[in-house]
N, C-alpha and C. Protein backbone atom coordinates (compact mmCIF):
# COMPACT_ATOMS: atom_id res chain seq x y z
N MET A 1 0.95 -1.33 -0.12
CA MET A 1 -0.16 0.36 -0.08
C MET A 1 0.94 1.36 0.12
N ARG A 2 2.02 1.18 0.79
CA ARG A 2 2.96 2.51 1.07
C ARG A 2 3.22 2.68 -1.03
N LYS A 3 3.69 1.42 -1.44
CA LYS A 3 4.30 2.23 -2.79
C LYS A 3 2.76 2.92 -3.99
N ILE A 4 1.70 2.52 -3.44
CA ILE A 4 0.65 2.75 -4.13
C ILE A 4 0.63 4.49 -3.85
N VAL A 5 0.45 4.05 -2.47
CA VAL A 5 0.30 5.79 -2.10
C VAL A 5 1.87 6.34 -2.49
N ALA A 6 2.99 6.13 -2.38
CA ALA A 6 3.98 7.14 -3.25
C ALA A 6 3.61 7.03 -4.60
N VAL A 7 3.34 6.05 -5.17
CA VAL A 7 3.19 6.35 -6.67
C VAL A 7 2.10 7.52 -6.85
N LEU A 8 0.61 7.17 -6.34
CA LEU A 8 -0.08 8.12 -6.63
C LEU A 8 -0.18 9.66 -5.80
N THR A 9 0.99 9.95 -4.93
CA THR A 9 1.20 11.02 -4.30
C THR A 9 2.07 11.75 -5.49
N SER A 10 2.84 11.03 -6.16
CA SER A 10 3.52 11.89 -6.96
C SER A 10 2.74 12.10 -8.48
N TRP A 11 1.12 11.57 -8.11
CA TRP A 11 0.24 12.26 -9.31
C TRP A 11 -0.23 13.46 -8.54
N GLY A 12 -0.01 13.72 -7.78
CA GLY A 12 -0.76 14.94 -7.30
C GLY A 12 -2.37 14.89 -7.00
N PRO A 13 -3.03 16.50 -7.40
CA PRO A 13 -4.60 16.07 -7.25
C PRO A 13 -5.09 14.71 -8.45
N PHE A 14 -4.36 14.47 -9.29
CA PHE A 14 -4.83 13.74 -10.31
C PHE A 14 -5.27 12.20 -9.85
N GLY A 15 -3.84 11.80 -9.08
CA GLY A 15 -3.92 10.42 -8.31
C GLY A 15 -4.93 10.38 -7.08
N LEU A 16 -5.30 11.60 -6.57
CA LEU A 16 -6.43 11.41 -5.77
C LEU A 16 -7.52 11.57 -6.14
N PHE A 17 -8.03 12.12 -7.51
CA PHE A 17 -9.16 11.58 -7.99
C PHE A 17 -9.48 10.88 -8.58
N ALA A 18 -8.20 9.92 -9.45
CA ALA A 18 -8.54 8.28 -10.04
C ALA A 18 -8.82 7.29 -8.70
N LEU A 19 -7.66 7.52 -7.28
CA LEU A 19 -7.97 6.37 -6.34
C LEU A 19 -9.76 6.82 -5.67
N ALA A 20 -10.23 8.09 -6.14
CA ALA A 20 -11.50 8.25 -5.10
C ALA A 20 -12.42 7.56 -5.48
N VAL A 21 -12.29 8.04 -7.44
CA VAL A 21 -13.09 7.42 -8.45
C VAL A 21 -13.27 5.79 -7.80
N PHE A 22 -12.22 5.20 -7.91
CA PHE A 22 -12.40 3.59 -8.02
C PHE A 22 -12.95 3.43 -6.44
N ASP A 23 -12.40 3.84 -5.61
CA ASP A 23 -12.55 3.57 -4.10
C ASP A 23 -14.10 3.56 -3.88
N SER A 24 -14.70 4.77 -4.32
CA SER A 24 -16.42 5.31 -4.74
C SER A 24 -17.56 4.29 -5.34
N ALA A 25 -16.41 3.51 -6.12
CA ALA A 25 -17.14 3.28 -7.36
C ALA A 25 -17.05 1.35 -7.10
N GLY A 26 -16.89 1.05 -5.80
CA GLY A 26 -17.23 -0.28 -5.32
C GLY A 26 -15.98 -1.03 -5.36
N ILE A 27 -14.65 -0.39 -5.26
CA ILE A 27 -13.50 -1.51 -5.50
C ILE A 27 -12.75 -1.26 -4.42
N PRO A 28 -12.67 -2.53 -3.68
CA PRO A 28 -12.20 -2.12 -2.07
C PRO A 28 -10.89 -1.58 -1.79
N LEU A 29 -10.65 -0.49 -1.65
CA LEU A 29 -9.35 0.24 -1.12
C LEU A 29 -9.94 0.80 0.28
N PRO A 30 -9.70 0.12 1.32
CA PRO A 30 -10.03 0.61 3.20
C PRO A 30 -9.25 1.73 3.02
N ALA A 31 -9.67 2.81 3.18
CA ALA A 31 -8.78 4.44 4.35
C ALA A 31 -7.99 4.74 2.99
N ALA A 32 -7.82 4.16 1.84
CA ALA A 32 -6.58 4.26 1.00
C ALA A 32 -7.02 6.25 0.47
N VAL A 33 -8.09 6.57 0.27
CA VAL A 33 -8.34 7.75 -0.35
C VAL A 33 -7.96 8.54 0.93
N ASP A 34 -8.58 8.58 2.20
CA ASP A 34 -8.04 9.63 3.41
C ASP A 34 -6.70 9.62 3.98
N ALA A 35 -6.27 8.18 3.20
CA ALA A 35 -4.55 8.44 3.44
C ALA A 35 -3.92 9.27 2.53
N LEU A 36 -4.31 9.24 1.58
CA LEU A 36 -3.75 10.21 0.37
C LEU A 36 -3.88 11.38 0.66
N VAL A 37 -5.25 11.45 0.83
CA VAL A 37 -5.94 13.01 1.94
C VAL A 37 -4.74 13.75 2.22
N VAL A 38 -4.03 13.08 3.19
CA VAL A 38 -3.27 13.24 4.71
C VAL A 38 -2.03 13.64 4.17
N ALA A 39 -1.55 12.39 2.98
CA ALA A 39 -0.55 12.39 2.72
C ALA A 39 0.02 13.26 2.04
N THR A 40 -0.90 13.41 1.03
CA THR A 40 -0.51 14.94 -0.01
C THR A 40 -0.39 16.17 0.56
N ALA A 41 -1.38 16.08 1.90
CA ALA A 41 -1.24 17.80 2.22
C ALA A 41 -0.31 17.51 3.25
N ALA A 42 0.12 16.83 3.86
CA ALA A 42 1.60 16.78 4.63
C ALA A 42 2.87 17.17 3.77
N VAL A 43 3.20 16.34 2.81
CA VAL A 43 4.08 16.64 1.88
C VAL A 43 4.35 18.16 1.05
N ASN A 44 2.86 18.86 0.63
CA ASN A 44 2.71 19.96 0.16
C ASN A 44 1.19 20.70 0.48
N PRO A 45 1.42 21.26 1.81
CA PRO A 45 0.07 22.08 2.14
C PRO A 45 -0.26 22.89 1.26
N ALA A 46 0.31 23.76 0.41
CA ALA A 46 -0.39 24.35 -0.24
C ALA A 46 -1.30 24.23 -1.14
N SER A 47 -1.11 23.13 -1.37
CA SER A 47 -2.19 22.23 -2.56
C SER A 47 -2.99 21.48 -1.59
N ALA A 48 -3.16 21.49 -0.38
CA ALA A 48 -4.14 20.81 0.36
C ALA A 48 -5.50 20.82 -0.14
N TYR A 49 -5.92 21.75 -0.16
CA TYR A 49 -7.25 21.99 -0.54
C TYR A 49 -7.57 21.57 -1.98
N LEU A 50 -6.60 22.12 -2.54
CA LEU A 50 -6.81 21.30 -4.44
C LEU A 50 -7.08 19.96 -4.40
N ASP A 51 -5.96 19.17 -3.79
CA ASP A 51 -6.09 18.07 -3.45
C ASP A 51 -7.86 17.15 -2.61
N ALA A 52 -7.73 17.73 -1.72
CA ALA A 52 -9.56 17.90 -0.89
C ALA A 52 -10.46 17.86 -2.01
N ALA A 53 -10.13 19.11 -2.76
CA ALA A 53 -11.25 18.95 -4.15
C ALA A 53 -11.14 18.11 -4.99
N MET A 54 -10.29 17.39 -5.26
CA MET A 54 -10.14 16.50 -6.53
C MET A 54 -10.54 15.04 -5.71
N ALA A 55 -10.53 14.94 -4.60
CA ALA A 55 -10.95 13.62 -3.77
C ALA A 55 -12.43 13.97 -3.81
N VAL A 56 -12.91 14.89 -3.55
CA VAL A 56 -14.51 15.05 -3.28
C VAL A 56 -14.86 14.77 -4.96
N LEU A 57 -14.81 15.43 -5.86
CA LEU A 57 -14.68 15.14 -7.25
C LEU A 57 -15.00 13.93 -7.52
N GLY A 58 -13.78 12.96 -7.58
CA GLY A 58 -13.09 11.64 -7.40
C GLY A 58 -14.41 10.98 -7.07
N SER A 59 -14.63 11.30 -5.34
CA SER A 59 -15.60 10.39 -5.06
C SER A 59 -17.15 10.36 -5.80
N ALA A 60 -17.59 12.23 -5.66
CA ALA A 60 -18.94 11.88 -6.23
C ALA A 60 -18.97 11.15 -7.81
N ILE A 61 -18.03 11.17 -8.13
CA ILE A 61 -18.17 9.93 -9.75
C ILE A 61 -18.29 9.19 -9.33
N GLY A 62 -17.43 8.65 -8.62
CA GLY A 62 -17.55 6.86 -8.00
C GLY A 62 -18.66 6.60 -7.59
N SER A 63 -19.56 6.97 -6.72
CA SER A 63 -20.43 7.13 -5.90
C SER A 63 -21.55 7.36 -6.75
N MET A 64 -21.62 7.84 -7.84
CA MET A 64 -22.88 7.98 -8.79
C MET A 64 -22.94 6.51 -9.84
N VAL A 65 -21.55 6.31 -10.13
CA VAL A 65 -21.42 5.12 -10.74
C VAL A 65 -22.04 3.87 -9.65
N LEU A 66 -21.64 3.90 -9.05
CA LEU A 66 -21.98 2.77 -7.80
C LEU A 66 -23.63 2.82 -7.76
N PHE A 67 -24.63 4.17 -7.80
CA PHE A 67 -25.78 4.41 -7.39
C PHE A 67 -26.63 3.16 -8.87
N TYR A 68 -25.43 3.74 -10.37
CA TYR A 68 -26.23 3.58 -11.08
C TYR A 68 -26.29 2.11 -11.63
N ILE A 69 -25.03 1.51 -10.55
CA ILE A 69 -25.30 -0.12 -10.74
C ILE A 69 -26.15 -0.67 -10.05
N GLY A 70 -26.69 -0.08 -8.58
CA GLY A 70 -27.62 -0.22 -7.92
C GLY A 70 -29.06 -0.16 -8.62
N ARG A 71 -28.81 0.92 -9.19
CA ARG A 71 -30.17 1.49 -10.11
C ARG A 71 -30.48 0.11 -11.11
N GLY A 72 -29.68 -0.35 -11.97
CA GLY A 72 -29.63 -1.53 -12.91
C GLY A 72 -29.84 -2.70 -12.48
N GLY A 73 -29.12 -2.89 -11.92
CA GLY A 73 -28.96 -4.41 -11.12
C GLY A 73 -29.33 -4.92 -9.76
N GLY A 74 -29.44 -3.94 -8.88
CA GLY A 74 -29.34 -4.20 -7.31
C GLY A 74 -30.61 -4.26 -6.82
N GLN A 75 -31.80 -4.36 -7.58
CA GLN A 75 -33.68 -4.86 -7.31
C GLN A 75 -33.66 -5.93 -7.16
N ALA A 76 -32.69 -7.22 -8.17
CA ALA A 76 -32.95 -8.40 -7.65
C ALA A 76 -32.41 -9.01 -6.46
N TYR A 77 -30.96 -8.31 -6.03
CA TYR A 77 -30.15 -8.41 -4.98
C TYR A 77 -30.87 -8.58 -3.82
N LEU A 78 -31.59 -7.11 -3.89
CA LEU A 78 -32.58 -6.97 -2.51
C LEU A 78 -33.91 -7.50 -2.75
N ASP A 79 -34.30 -8.17 -3.87
CA ASP A 79 -35.56 -9.22 -3.61
C ASP A 79 -34.94 -10.48 -3.31
N ARG A 80 -33.59 -10.80 -3.11
CA ARG A 80 -33.52 -11.77 -2.51
C ARG A 80 -32.94 -12.07 -1.47
N VAL A 81 -32.21 -10.90 -0.83
CA VAL A 81 -32.13 -10.39 0.48
C VAL A 81 -32.98 -9.90 1.65
N THR A 82 -33.99 -9.19 1.24
CA THR A 82 -35.18 -9.02 1.71
C THR A 82 -36.76 -9.72 1.08
N ALA A 83 -36.51 -10.74 0.78
CA ALA A 83 -37.60 -11.48 0.41
C ALA A 83 -38.89 -11.74 1.43
N GLY A 84 -40.07 -11.58 1.24
CA GLY A 84 -41.33 -11.39 1.92
C GLY A 84 -41.89 -10.47 2.42
N PRO A 85 -42.16 -10.49 3.68
CA PRO A 85 -42.79 -9.14 4.35
C PRO A 85 -41.93 -8.04 4.65
N ARG A 86 -39.98 -8.70 5.18
CA ARG A 86 -39.27 -7.78 5.05
C ARG A 86 -38.80 -6.98 4.37
N ALA A 87 -39.40 -7.13 2.87
CA ALA A 87 -39.21 -6.39 1.84
C ALA A 87 -39.78 -5.30 1.49
N HIS A 88 -41.16 -5.22 2.29
CA HIS A 88 -41.70 -4.09 2.15
C HIS A 88 -41.71 -3.09 3.71
N ARG A 89 -41.14 -3.83 4.70
CA ARG A 89 -40.82 -2.78 5.81
C ARG A 89 -39.60 -2.34 5.43
N PHE A 90 -38.46 -2.78 4.98
CA PHE A 90 -37.23 -2.61 4.06
C PHE A 90 -37.15 -0.99 3.38
N ARG A 91 -38.21 -1.61 2.35
CA ARG A 91 -38.11 -0.34 1.49
C ARG A 91 -38.94 0.86 2.61
N GLU A 92 -39.79 0.56 3.02
CA GLU A 92 -40.59 2.06 3.44
C GLU A 92 -39.30 2.42 4.83
N TRP A 93 -38.53 1.96 5.48
CA TRP A 93 -37.81 1.91 6.37
C TRP A 93 -36.59 3.16 5.57
N PHE A 94 -36.15 2.81 4.29
CA PHE A 94 -35.45 3.18 3.48
C PHE A 94 -35.52 4.34 2.73
N GLN A 95 -36.82 4.44 2.65
CA GLN A 95 -37.22 5.37 2.03
C GLN A 95 -37.35 6.69 2.94
N THR A 96 -37.64 6.38 4.34
CA THR A 96 -37.43 7.42 5.58
C THR A 96 -36.59 7.70 5.76
N TYR A 97 -35.42 6.99 6.37
CA TYR A 97 -34.29 7.15 6.86
C TYR A 97 -33.01 6.62 5.98
N GLY A 98 -33.15 6.32 4.91
CA GLY A 98 -31.85 5.39 3.67
C GLY A 98 -30.97 6.55 3.32
N LEU A 99 -30.78 7.52 3.24
CA LEU A 99 -30.10 8.46 3.04
C LEU A 99 -28.98 8.87 4.56
N ILE A 100 -29.81 8.81 5.49
CA ILE A 100 -28.92 9.02 6.72
C ILE A 100 -27.73 7.68 6.16
N THR A 101 -28.37 6.77 6.36
CA THR A 101 -26.82 5.52 6.43
C THR A 101 -25.61 5.57 5.23
N VAL A 102 -26.03 6.45 4.13
CA VAL A 102 -25.30 7.31 3.33
C VAL A 102 -24.35 7.84 4.03
N PHE A 103 -25.16 9.04 4.27
CA PHE A 103 -24.59 10.07 5.01
C PHE A 103 -23.28 10.25 5.99
N ILE A 104 -23.68 8.92 6.81
CA ILE A 104 -22.80 8.99 8.29
C ILE A 104 -21.28 8.36 7.73
N PRO A 105 -21.69 7.15 6.99
CA PRO A 105 -20.29 6.77 6.77
C PRO A 105 -19.67 7.24 6.03
N ALA A 106 -20.05 8.21 5.19
CA ALA A 106 -19.23 9.09 3.95
C ALA A 106 -18.76 9.67 4.45
N LEU A 107 -19.08 10.66 5.89
CA LEU A 107 -18.76 11.84 6.13
C LEU A 107 -17.41 11.20 7.36
N LEU A 108 -17.80 10.11 7.92
CA LEU A 108 -16.52 9.82 8.67
C LEU A 108 -15.75 9.04 8.68
N PRO A 109 -14.29 9.22 8.84
CA PRO A 109 -13.13 8.35 8.46
C PRO A 109 -12.64 6.95 9.15
N ILE A 110 -13.76 6.24 9.66
CA ILE A 110 -13.92 5.60 10.23
C ILE A 110 -14.33 4.10 9.54
N PRO A 111 -13.89 2.69 9.53
CA PRO A 111 -14.75 1.85 8.81
C PRO A 111 -15.70 1.57 9.16
N MET A 112 -16.78 2.04 8.12
CA MET A 112 -18.27 1.58 8.54
C MET A 112 -19.01 1.16 7.03
N PRO A 113 -20.15 0.37 7.29
CA PRO A 113 -20.78 0.28 5.76
C PRO A 113 -21.30 1.12 4.90
N LEU A 114 -21.10 1.20 3.64
CA LEU A 114 -21.47 2.17 2.88
C LEU A 114 -22.12 1.77 1.40
N LYS A 115 -21.04 0.56 0.83
CA LYS A 115 -21.68 0.20 -0.19
C LYS A 115 -22.86 -0.34 -0.39
N VAL A 116 -22.99 -0.98 0.60
CA VAL A 116 -24.41 -1.71 0.17
C VAL A 116 -25.64 -0.63 0.32
N PHE A 117 -25.35 0.30 1.12
CA PHE A 117 -26.48 1.35 1.45
C PHE A 117 -26.75 1.92 -0.22
N VAL A 118 -25.28 2.14 -0.79
CA VAL A 118 -25.51 3.28 -1.84
C VAL A 118 -26.53 2.07 -2.81
N LEU A 119 -25.97 0.77 -3.30
CA LEU A 119 -26.52 0.15 -4.17
C LEU A 119 -27.84 0.00 -3.48
N SER A 120 -28.38 0.26 -2.23
CA SER A 120 -29.79 0.21 -2.25
C SER A 120 -30.68 1.37 -2.37
N ALA A 121 -30.36 2.75 -1.75
CA ALA A 121 -30.39 3.66 -2.72
C ALA A 121 -30.69 3.72 -4.30
N GLY A 122 -30.02 3.19 -4.78
CA GLY A 122 -29.81 2.92 -6.78
C GLY A 122 -31.09 2.14 -6.74
N ALA A 123 -31.32 1.15 -6.10
CA ALA A 123 -31.97 -0.07 -6.76
C ALA A 123 -33.73 0.71 -5.73
N LEU A 124 -33.78 0.96 -4.62
CA LEU A 124 -35.50 1.74 -4.37
C LEU A 124 -35.75 2.88 -4.57
N GLY A 125 -35.19 3.60 -5.58
CA GLY A 125 -35.38 4.86 -6.57
C GLY A 125 -35.30 5.62 -5.90
N VAL A 126 -34.32 6.30 -5.33
CA VAL A 126 -33.99 7.19 -5.03
C VAL A 126 -33.57 8.66 -6.05
N LYS A 127 -34.02 9.73 -5.59
CA LYS A 127 -33.85 10.15 -6.76
C LYS A 127 -32.12 10.84 -6.81
N PRO A 128 -31.65 10.83 -8.08
CA PRO A 128 -30.01 11.23 -8.30
C PRO A 128 -29.26 12.21 -7.76
N LEU A 129 -30.45 13.49 -7.92
CA LEU A 129 -29.81 14.40 -7.24
C LEU A 129 -29.85 15.02 -5.78
N HIS A 130 -30.72 14.36 -5.08
CA HIS A 130 -30.68 14.14 -3.52
C HIS A 130 -29.81 12.84 -3.12
N TYR A 131 -29.52 11.65 -3.97
CA TYR A 131 -28.18 11.12 -3.39
C TYR A 131 -26.68 11.81 -3.59
N LEU A 132 -26.61 12.60 -4.99
CA LEU A 132 -25.75 13.06 -4.58
C LEU A 132 -25.16 14.44 -3.97
N LEU A 133 -26.53 15.15 -3.58
CA LEU A 133 -26.14 16.20 -3.00
C LEU A 133 -25.91 16.13 -1.29
N VAL A 134 -26.28 14.21 -0.84
CA VAL A 134 -26.24 13.76 0.51
C VAL A 134 -24.64 13.00 0.40
N VAL A 135 -24.12 12.65 -0.99
CA VAL A 135 -22.84 12.24 -1.07
C VAL A 135 -21.90 13.52 -1.02
N LEU A 136 -22.13 14.82 -1.33
CA LEU A 136 -21.24 16.36 -1.21
C LEU A 136 -21.32 16.41 0.02
N ALA A 137 -22.25 16.33 0.74
CA ALA A 137 -22.50 16.91 1.95
C ALA A 137 -21.98 16.43 2.76
N ALA A 138 -21.28 15.34 2.25
CA ALA A 138 -20.69 13.98 3.58
C ALA A 138 -19.28 14.56 2.98
N ARG A 139 -19.14 14.23 1.78
CA ARG A 139 -17.34 14.01 1.58
C ARG A 139 -16.91 15.39 1.67
N ILE A 140 -17.27 16.77 1.47
CA ILE A 140 -17.05 18.05 1.56
C ILE A 140 -15.91 18.31 2.45
N PRO A 141 -17.01 18.18 3.72
CA PRO A 141 -16.09 18.29 5.35
C PRO A 141 -14.51 17.44 5.66
N ARG A 142 -15.19 15.96 5.00
CA ARG A 142 -14.92 14.36 5.49
C ARG A 142 -12.83 15.20 4.83
N TYR A 143 -13.30 15.31 3.28
CA TYR A 143 -11.75 15.39 3.01
C TYR A 143 -11.01 16.88 2.94
N PHE A 144 -11.84 17.90 3.15
CA PHE A 144 -11.10 19.19 3.50
C PHE A 144 -11.07 18.78 5.37
N GLY A 145 -11.65 18.37 5.74
CA GLY A 145 -11.06 18.05 7.25
C GLY A 145 -9.88 17.43 7.35
N LEU A 146 -9.68 16.43 6.82
CA LEU A 146 -8.26 15.42 6.78
C LEU A 146 -7.35 16.36 5.94
N ALA A 147 -7.32 17.24 4.91
CA ALA A 147 -6.41 17.98 4.48
C ALA A 147 -5.63 18.92 5.26
N TYR A 148 -7.31 19.86 6.04
CA TYR A 148 -6.47 20.69 7.06
C TYR A 148 -5.91 20.00 8.02
N LEU A 149 -6.27 18.73 8.17
CA LEU A 149 -5.37 18.04 9.55
C LEU A 149 -4.14 17.47 9.62
N GLY A 150 -3.72 16.87 7.73
CA GLY A 150 -2.86 16.60 7.01
C GLY A 150 -1.96 17.90 7.27
N SER A 151 -2.38 19.10 6.65
CA SER A 151 -1.61 19.77 6.50
C SER A 151 -0.79 20.92 7.98
N GLN A 152 -1.97 20.23 9.10
CA GLN A 152 -1.51 21.02 10.14
C GLN A 152 -0.44 19.80 11.49
N LEU A 153 -0.50 18.88 11.03
CA LEU A 153 -0.31 17.56 12.07
C LEU A 153 0.73 16.56 10.96
N GLY A 154 0.73 16.93 10.15
CA GLY A 154 1.92 15.92 8.86
C GLY A 154 1.69 14.59 9.26
N GLU A 155 2.35 13.72 9.46
CA GLU A 155 2.49 12.25 9.42
C GLU A 155 1.98 12.23 10.87
N HIS A 156 1.71 12.80 11.62
CA HIS A 156 1.03 12.35 13.03
C HIS A 156 -0.94 12.34 12.52
N THR A 157 -1.46 12.62 11.66
CA THR A 157 -2.65 12.65 11.52
C THR A 157 -3.18 11.28 11.84
N MET A 158 -2.54 10.63 11.45
CA MET A 158 -3.38 9.37 11.08
C MET A 158 -3.54 8.56 12.59
N GLY A 159 -2.38 8.77 13.32
CA GLY A 159 -2.14 8.40 14.79
C GLY A 159 -3.32 9.12 15.25
N TRP A 160 -3.28 10.48 15.07
CA TRP A 160 -4.05 11.47 16.02
C TRP A 160 -5.92 10.13 15.80
N LEU A 161 -6.35 10.09 14.49
CA LEU A 161 -7.18 9.92 14.16
C LEU A 161 -7.69 8.62 14.48
N LYS A 162 -6.78 7.84 15.19
CA LYS A 162 -6.71 6.32 15.97
C LYS A 162 -6.82 6.50 16.88
N ALA A 163 -6.20 7.58 17.99
CA ALA A 163 -6.43 7.65 19.30
C ALA A 163 -7.30 8.61 19.57
N HIS A 164 -8.64 9.02 17.99
CA HIS A 164 -9.83 9.54 18.45
C HIS A 164 -10.87 8.89 17.79
N VAL A 165 -10.58 7.41 17.74
CA VAL A 165 -11.57 6.70 17.01
C VAL A 165 -12.93 7.05 17.96
N TRP A 166 -12.85 6.62 19.43
CA TRP A 166 -13.98 6.51 19.88
C TRP A 166 -15.03 7.36 20.07
N HIS A 167 -14.43 8.31 19.72
CA HIS A 167 -15.34 9.95 19.69
C HIS A 167 -15.60 10.28 18.32
N LEU A 168 -15.58 9.71 17.30
CA LEU A 168 -15.61 9.46 16.27
C LEU A 168 -17.22 8.97 15.82
N VAL A 169 -16.82 7.48 16.80
CA VAL A 169 -18.09 6.28 16.85
C VAL A 169 -19.29 7.39 17.77
N ILE A 170 -18.74 7.80 18.56
CA ILE A 170 -19.96 8.38 19.26
C ILE A 170 -20.44 9.66 18.87
N PHE A 171 -19.44 10.31 18.20
CA PHE A 171 -20.84 11.45 17.19
C PHE A 171 -21.34 11.13 16.42
N ALA A 172 -20.53 9.60 15.37
CA ALA A 172 -21.18 9.26 14.55
C ALA A 172 -22.79 8.96 15.24
N ALA A 173 -22.62 8.16 16.13
CA ALA A 173 -23.86 7.82 16.79
C ALA A 173 -25.25 8.65 16.81
N VAL A 174 -24.59 9.82 17.54
CA VAL A 174 -25.63 10.35 17.75
C VAL A 174 -25.70 11.33 16.94
N LEU A 175 -25.22 11.94 16.12
CA LEU A 175 -25.14 12.67 14.52
C LEU A 175 -26.61 11.64 14.35
N ALA A 176 -26.44 10.17 13.88
CA ALA A 176 -27.54 9.62 13.29
C ALA A 176 -28.58 9.51 14.06
N ALA A 177 -28.59 9.59 15.66
CA ALA A 177 -30.02 9.62 16.09
C ALA A 177 -30.74 10.74 15.94
N VAL A 178 -30.13 12.00 15.91
CA VAL A 178 -30.53 13.26 15.66
C VAL A 178 -31.03 13.72 14.38
N LEU A 179 -30.51 13.33 13.51
CA LEU A 179 -30.64 12.94 12.24
C LEU A 179 -32.20 12.05 12.03
N ALA A 180 -32.07 11.35 12.52
CA ALA A 180 -33.03 10.05 11.97
C ALA A 180 -34.51 10.69 12.89
N LEU A 181 -34.30 11.71 14.06
CA LEU A 181 -35.22 12.67 14.63
C LEU A 181 -35.51 13.58 14.03
N ALA A 182 -35.06 14.26 13.24
CA ALA A 182 -35.16 15.39 12.22
C ALA A 182 -36.09 14.98 11.36
N VAL A 183 -35.62 13.54 10.92
CA VAL A 183 -36.62 13.15 9.79
C VAL A 183 -38.08 12.81 10.15
N ARG A 184 -37.93 12.44 11.12
CA ARG A 184 -39.31 11.80 11.66
C ARG A 184 -39.81 13.03 12.10
N ILE A 185 -39.86 14.16 12.75
CA ILE A 185 -40.40 15.37 12.91
C ILE A 185 -40.92 15.90 11.73
N VAL A 186 -39.58 16.23 10.41
CA VAL A 186 -40.69 17.12 9.23
C VAL A 186 -41.11 15.67 8.29
N PHE A 187 -40.93 14.27 8.43
CA PHE A 187 -42.17 13.62 8.00
C PHE A 187 -43.64 13.17 8.65
N ARG A 188 -43.28 13.18 9.85
CA ARG A 188 -44.50 13.64 10.52
C ARG A 188 -45.44 14.98 9.93
N GLY A 189 -44.92 16.01 10.67
CA GLY A 189 -45.53 17.19 9.92
C GLY A 189 -45.61 17.42 8.57
N SER A 190 -45.46 16.58 7.47
CA SER A 190 -45.98 16.47 6.01
C SER A 190 -46.97 16.15 5.88
N ARG A 191 -47.31 14.99 6.75
CA ARG A 191 -48.26 13.98 6.96
C ARG A 191 -49.61 14.32 7.67
N SER A 192 -49.22 15.38 8.46
CA SER A 192 -50.24 15.78 9.49
C SER A 192 -51.43 16.31 8.83
N PRO A 193 -52.42 16.04 8.68
CA PRO A 193 -54.05 17.24 8.17
C PRO A 193 -53.59 18.27 7.94
N LYS A 194 -53.60 18.78 7.37
CA LYS A 194 -54.05 20.50 6.76
C LYS A 194 -55.52 21.35 7.52
N ARG A 195 -54.94 22.02 8.40
CA ARG A 195 -56.94 23.10 8.82
C ARG A 195 -56.91 23.46 7.92
N PRO A 196 -58.25 23.84 7.72
CA PRO A 196 -58.73 24.81 6.80
C PRO A 196 -59.06 26.11 7.73
């Protein structure tokens, strides 16, 4: 992995872009984009935010590729996995809360399942623009935050993140609960009968 990072670091922003496309399109490269954002920011702090922008762009493109793969063939997979009454319940749940399951793991630089929820979003008819906006809302703070940390902490950034992993897990749980509550309140308000 160090050799790959070294080669892609030498490519600068284009290496980050390519890696982010592959990673978000479903090729398993755990934490590679995060590590490269940090590495390039540490080596060249002046281009840290350009590198982060390229990672965001690549991730958005790769995520849309995986989304449309789900749109094309994910329905058959979901029918097998959620057969019978579970299928209807899962669809209802995902239509209400599904994009939270995309937003949280896309936002935080800790290992969390994401690809199955991206495929589900495509298969269950989530609007592409809504999905893309959620991905951008997560990836922009993630990669720009990592670029900032990399430019400030350098090679100690990944160690700092590992030391604070439980803070990130707790933050993820609280954020998911708050977003789910907000969605429920908005959803209930939109369904309440209007008074004349």
